[in-house]
Protein backbone atom coordinates (compact mmCIF):
# COMPACT_ATOMS: atom_id res chain seq x y z
CA UNK A 1 -31.04 -88.79 3.58
CA UNK A 2 -28.88 -90.35 6.20
CA UNK A 3 -25.75 -88.50 8.04
CA UNK A 4 -22.76 -89.27 7.14
CA UNK A 5 -20.51 -91.36 9.33
CA UNK A 6 -18.17 -88.77 9.52
CA UNK A 7 -16.61 -85.51 8.08
CA UNK A 8 -14.18 -86.43 5.25
CA UNK A 9 -10.99 -84.25 4.82
CA UNK A 10 -10.64 -82.31 1.41
CA UNK A 11 -11.08 -84.55 -1.56
CA UNK A 12 -7.93 -86.09 -2.83
CA UNK A 13 -6.52 -86.06 -6.53
CA UNK A 14 -6.87 -84.03 -9.28
CA UNK A 15 -9.57 -82.43 -9.88
CA UNK A 16 -12.39 -83.84 -12.39
CA UNK A 17 -12.14 -81.38 -15.08
CA UNK A 18 -10.61 -81.90 -17.68
CA UNK A 19 -11.50 -85.68 -17.15
CA UNK A 20 -14.71 -85.26 -17.62
CA UNK A 21 -14.60 -83.02 -20.78
CA UNK A 22 -12.54 -85.62 -22.55
CA UNK A 23 -15.12 -87.90 -21.38
CA UNK A 24 -18.38 -85.69 -22.53
CA UNK A 25 -15.57 -85.21 -26.03
CA UNK A 26 -15.60 -88.81 -26.69
CA UNK A 27 -19.05 -89.49 -26.37
CA UNK A 28 -20.05 -86.89 -28.46
CA UNK A 29 -17.65 -88.40 -31.61
CA UNK A 30 -18.76 -92.00 -30.59
CA UNK A 31 -22.84 -90.50 -31.67
CA UNK A 32 -21.19 -89.30 -35.03
CA UNK A 33 -18.85 -91.84 -35.77
CA UNK A 34 -20.40 -94.79 -34.26
CA UNK A 35 -22.80 -96.89 -35.79
CA UNK A 36 -24.11 -98.37 -33.16
CA UNK A 37 -23.90 -95.28 -30.53
CA UNK A 38 -25.47 -93.42 -32.84
CA UNK A 39 -28.56 -96.00 -33.11
CA UNK A 40 -29.14 -95.40 -29.36
CA UNK A 41 -32.07 -93.37 -28.26
CA UNK A 42 -33.73 -92.69 -24.54
CA UNK A 43 -35.65 -95.97 -24.02
CA UNK A 44 -32.71 -98.57 -26.06
CA UNK A 45 -30.94 -97.19 -23.06
CA UNK A 46 -32.79 -97.53 -20.08
CA UNK A 47 -32.36 -101.41 -20.27
CA UNK A 48 -28.95 -100.89 -19.48
CA UNK A 49 -29.77 -98.58 -17.39
CA UNK A 50 -31.21 -100.22 -15.26
CA UNK A 51 -28.74 -102.94 -15.40
CA UNK A 52 -25.51 -100.68 -15.16
CA UNK A 53 -27.19 -99.41 -11.88
CA UNK A 54 -27.19 -102.61 -10.03
CA UNK A 55 -24.14 -103.41 -10.66
CA UNK A 56 -23.15 -100.51 -9.07
CA UNK A 57 -25.12 -101.10 -5.98
CA UNK A 58 -23.31 -104.71 -5.76
CA UNK A 59 -19.69 -103.14 -6.33
CA UNK A 60 -20.56 -100.22 -3.43
CA UNK A 61 -22.30 -103.44 -1.08
CA UNK A 62 -18.94 -105.24 -1.70
CA UNK A 63 -16.78 -102.56 -1.00
CA UNK A 64 -18.83 -101.65 2.00
CA UNK A 65 -19.11 -105.45 3.35
CA UNK A 66 -15.26 -105.46 3.61
CA UNK A 67 -13.28 -103.58 6.32
CA UNK A 68 -10.21 -103.32 4.21
CA UNK A 69 -11.33 -103.84 0.51
CA UNK A 70 -8.63 -104.68 -1.85
CA UNK A 71 -7.40 -103.87 -5.14
CA UNK A 72 -9.72 -105.75 -7.40
CA UNK A 73 -12.97 -104.98 -5.39
CA UNK A 74 -11.81 -101.30 -6.29
CA UNK A 75 -11.42 -101.81 -9.55
CA UNK A 76 -14.62 -103.10 -9.77
CA UNK A 77 -16.41 -99.75 -7.93
CA UNK A 78 -14.13 -97.58 -10.12
CA UNK A 79 -15.34 -99.35 -13.73
CA UNK A 80 -18.83 -99.72 -12.23
CA UNK A 81 -19.22 -95.80 -11.44
CA UNK A 82 -17.89 -95.19 -15.00
CA UNK A 83 -20.72 -97.23 -16.28
CA UNK A 84 -23.20 -95.38 -14.59
CA UNK A 85 -21.35 -92.20 -15.42
CA UNK A 86 -21.06 -93.42 -19.42
CA UNK A 87 -25.18 -93.40 -18.68
CA UNK A 88 -25.19 -90.04 -17.42
CA UNK A 89 -23.14 -88.46 -20.08
CA UNK A 90 -25.02 -90.34 -22.59
CA UNK A 91 -28.61 -89.31 -22.00
CA UNK A 92 -27.08 -85.62 -21.93
CA UNK A 93 -25.53 -86.25 -24.99
CA UNK A 94 -29.13 -87.04 -26.30
CA UNK A 95 -30.73 -84.39 -25.35
CA UNK A 96 -27.74 -82.01 -26.12
CA UNK A 97 -28.19 -82.89 -30.11
CA UNK A 98 -32.01 -81.71 -29.38
CA UNK A 99 -30.67 -78.65 -28.12
CA UNK A 100 -32.52 -79.00 -24.96
CA UNK A 101 -29.92 -78.97 -22.62
CA UNK A 102 -26.19 -80.48 -21.95
CA UNK A 103 -24.15 -82.48 -19.57
CA UNK A 104 -23.11 -78.75 -18.26
CA UNK A 105 -27.14 -77.77 -17.76
CA UNK A 106 -26.75 -81.35 -15.48
CA UNK A 107 -24.20 -80.40 -13.54
CA UNK A 108 -25.20 -76.71 -12.75
CA UNK A 109 -29.08 -77.53 -11.92
CA UNK A 110 -27.23 -80.82 -9.26
CA UNK A 111 -24.87 -78.13 -7.83
CA UNK A 112 -27.34 -75.46 -7.32
CA UNK A 113 -29.96 -78.38 -6.32
CA UNK A 114 -27.33 -78.65 -3.52
CA UNK A 115 -26.75 -75.22 -2.38
CA UNK A 116 -30.26 -75.09 -2.07
CA UNK A 117 -31.01 -77.47 0.17
CA UNK A 118 -27.90 -77.10 2.27
CA UNK A 119 -27.80 -73.44 3.48
CA UNK A 120 -25.91 -75.18 6.56
CA UNK A 121 -22.65 -75.20 4.96
CA UNK A 122 -23.14 -72.67 1.79
CA UNK A 123 -25.02 -68.87 1.43
CA UNK A 124 -26.76 -68.58 -1.59
CA UNK A 125 -24.68 -67.31 -3.62
CA UNK A 126 -22.95 -70.68 -3.34
CA UNK A 127 -20.19 -69.53 -0.94
CA UNK A 128 -18.94 -71.93 1.68
CA UNK A 129 -20.21 -70.47 5.43
CA UNK A 130 -17.66 -70.12 8.02
CA UNK A 131 -19.19 -71.73 11.21
CA UNK A 132 -21.89 -75.41 10.51
CA UNK A 133 -23.41 -75.19 13.70
CA UNK A 134 -27.07 -77.54 12.01
CA UNK A 135 -27.75 -80.06 14.14
CA UNK A 136 -28.58 -83.79 12.43
CA UNK A 137 -32.21 -82.97 12.61
CA UNK A 138 -32.09 -79.50 11.80
CA UNK A 139 -29.98 -80.61 8.84
CA UNK A 140 -32.61 -83.00 7.72
CA UNK A 141 -35.98 -80.48 8.06
CA UNK A 142 -34.66 -78.08 6.53
CA UNK A 143 -33.62 -80.79 3.46
CA UNK A 144 -37.41 -81.80 3.30
CA UNK A 145 -38.46 -77.96 3.65
CA UNK A 146 -36.77 -77.11 0.65
CA UNK A 147 -38.24 -79.82 -0.99
CA UNK A 148 -41.50 -79.48 0.50
CA UNK A 149 -40.81 -75.41 -1.58
CA UNK A 150 -39.19 -76.46 -4.79
CA UNK A 151 -41.96 -78.80 -5.75
CA UNK A 152 -45.47 -77.08 -4.39
CA UNK A 153 -47.64 -79.10 -6.42
CA UNK A 154 -47.03 -82.29 -4.94
CA UNK A 155 -50.20 -83.45 -2.36
CA UNK A 156 -49.64 -87.10 -1.69
CA UNK A 157 -45.32 -87.60 0.17
CA UNK A 158 -45.31 -91.02 -2.17
CA UNK A 159 -45.26 -88.42 -5.47
CA UNK A 160 -42.26 -88.95 -7.35
CA UNK A 161 -41.53 -92.52 -6.13
CA UNK A 162 -40.22 -94.83 -8.80
CA UNK A 163 -43.23 -97.79 -8.94
CA UNK A 164 -40.66 -99.66 -10.69
CA UNK A 165 -38.26 -99.68 -7.79
CA UNK A 166 -37.81 -103.40 -6.72
CA UNK A 167 -40.98 -104.56 -4.47
CA UNK A 168 -38.90 -104.22 -1.44
CA UNK A 169 -36.93 -101.24 -2.06
CA UNK A 170 -40.43 -99.60 -2.52
CA UNK A 171 -41.88 -100.58 0.43
CA UNK A 172 -38.88 -99.09 2.54
CA UNK A 173 -39.37 -95.67 0.79
CA UNK A 174 -43.04 -95.34 1.21
CA UNK A 175 -43.11 -96.19 4.78
CA UNK A 176 -39.76 -93.79 5.21
CA UNK A 177 -41.98 -91.18 3.29
CA UNK A 178 -44.81 -91.88 5.81
CA UNK A 179 -42.33 -90.81 8.82
CA UNK A 180 -41.93 -94.65 9.61
CA UNK A 181 -38.25 -95.82 10.13
CA UNK A 182 -35.49 -94.86 12.60
CA UNK A 183 -33.44 -91.63 13.52
CA UNK A 184 -33.76 -87.70 12.47
CA UNK A 185 -34.93 -88.58 8.92
CA UNK A 186 -37.86 -90.15 9.75
CA UNK A 187 -38.64 -87.77 12.62
CA UNK A 188 -38.51 -84.97 10.28
CA UNK A 189 -41.05 -86.04 8.13
CA UNK A 190 -43.89 -83.90 8.31
CA UNK A 191 -46.46 -86.91 7.24
CA UNK A 192 -47.99 -89.70 9.85
CA UNK A 193 -47.43 -93.02 9.90
CA UNK A 194 -49.67 -94.46 7.14
CA UNK A 195 -51.86 -97.49 8.67
CA UNK A 196 -51.23 -101.03 7.00
CA UNK A 197 -53.32 -103.79 7.76
CA UNK A 198 -52.03 -105.69 10.17
CA UNK A 199 -49.12 -103.20 11.49
CA UNK A 200 -50.81 -102.76 14.96
CA UNK A 201 -50.48 -107.06 16.25
CA UNK A 202 -46.94 -106.66 18.11
CA UNK A 203 -44.71 -109.00 17.67
CA UNK A 204 -45.90 -112.12 20.09
CA UNK A 205 -49.23 -111.09 20.10
CA UNK A 206 -51.77 -113.96 19.29
CA UNK A 207 -52.37 -112.68 16.22
CA UNK A 208 -48.91 -111.59 14.91
CA UNK A 209 -46.72 -113.83 12.62
CA UNK A 210 -44.65 -116.57 14.19
CA UNK A 211 -47.33 -117.02 17.10
CA UNK A 212 -49.16 -119.80 18.05
CA UNK A 213 -52.09 -119.18 16.26
CA UNK A 214 -50.04 -118.22 12.79
CA UNK A 215 -49.93 -121.39 10.91
CA UNK A 216 -53.65 -121.92 11.13
CA UNK A 217 -54.60 -118.36 9.90
CA UNK A 218 -52.16 -119.28 6.87
CA UNK A 219 -53.28 -122.92 6.44
CA UNK A 220 -56.56 -120.88 5.94
CA UNK A 221 -55.97 -118.36 3.62
CA UNK A 222 -53.89 -120.70 2.01
CA UNK A 223 -57.21 -123.02 1.00
CA UNK A 224 -59.14 -119.78 -0.08
CA UNK A 225 -56.44 -119.57 -2.69
CA UNK A 226 -53.43 -117.75 -3.99
CA UNK A 227 -54.32 -114.26 -4.33
CA UNK A 228 -55.40 -114.44 -0.27
CA UNK A 229 -52.17 -116.57 0.26
CA UNK A 230 -49.86 -113.79 -1.53
CA UNK A 231 -52.50 -110.54 0.03
CA UNK A 232 -51.37 -112.27 3.47
CA UNK A 233 -47.56 -112.57 2.73
CA UNK A 234 -47.30 -108.82 1.43
CA UNK A 235 -48.78 -107.83 4.84
CA UNK A 236 -46.24 -109.73 6.43
CA UNK A 237 -43.16 -108.59 4.28
CA UNK A 238 -44.44 -104.83 5.17
CA UNK A 239 -44.80 -105.50 8.04
CA UNK A 240 -41.05 -107.01 8.14
CA UNK A 241 -40.23 -103.93 6.39
CA UNK A 242 -41.48 -101.46 8.99
CA UNK A 243 -39.37 -103.86 11.68
CA UNK A 244 -36.03 -103.46 9.57
CA UNK A 245 -37.05 -99.17 9.37
CA UNK A 246 -37.34 -99.16 12.68
CA UNK A 247 -34.34 -100.94 13.61
CA UNK A 248 -32.38 -98.59 11.77
CA UNK A 249 -31.79 -101.20 8.78
CA UNK A 250 -31.83 -100.62 4.92
CA UNK A 251 -34.53 -103.90 4.05
CA UNK A 252 -33.03 -104.27 0.33
CA UNK A 253 -29.22 -104.34 1.22
CA UNK A 254 -29.79 -106.79 4.76
CA UNK A 255 -31.58 -109.63 2.18
CA UNK A 256 -28.88 -108.91 -0.48
CA UNK A 257 -26.27 -109.78 2.53
CA UNK A 258 -27.98 -112.96 3.85
CA UNK A 259 -29.05 -114.07 0.35
CA UNK A 260 -25.49 -114.09 -0.26
CA UNK A 261 -24.05 -115.75 2.99
CA UNK A 262 -26.54 -118.39 1.88
CA UNK A 263 -24.91 -118.80 -1.28
CA UNK A 264 -21.62 -118.93 0.22
CA UNK A 265 -22.92 -121.37 3.28
CA UNK A 266 -25.21 -124.36 0.18
CA UNK A 267 -21.94 -124.10 -1.89
CA UNK A 268 -19.16 -124.48 0.69
CA UNK A 269 -16.71 -122.01 0.29
């Protein structure tokens, strides 16, 4: 959990209550009267959930990359947020129809979790505290302690990491859970760094990627077959991910931005 760059002021705009209620109502009506929407189930929605999430990621990053995003970028962000919200509301509606839970229970659960995991802001009954003296390090440590109490059955720090994450994001998440990376979030992790083959090689050493001996090792690995080459490249990518985290860089976003810059350079835009 990253600390915000600055403390925001009160949220502007009108309260979302009536708008969210109307959205839930419209989704319910679609389920009853639209044959296409009525035919959807959780499994059928997974493809759309993944697609919409990636589109939202791109819209958020496009805004983050721009010092003064224009109306077009902000409209795109608002639209993609709506598409992901539709997925949430629809999945909750499916469960409501089964008598399990609905959107209200989803919101209640999230609110309770946020109150529970942020005792530096809220009292146990959800009331706002009078002062907020906690440091970022204390906040992160408390966050992880509360999470551990919520799920005492977990025996591995890597439980709960989705295996369907993109490989680079999966590597970064795994290393962070292992306590690697920079900043207080990593320092607060109770688990020591995992030992990865080749990770002890310092940049510039004779065995490190990019050294004078590396090409010979690479040629030998390639000569032994694709599986060995794949394993070598995988270890190098994991080590590069480790270095990115140690520098406070999100490797997934860094690679995405580098690819976009490359596309722009090649296209001559």
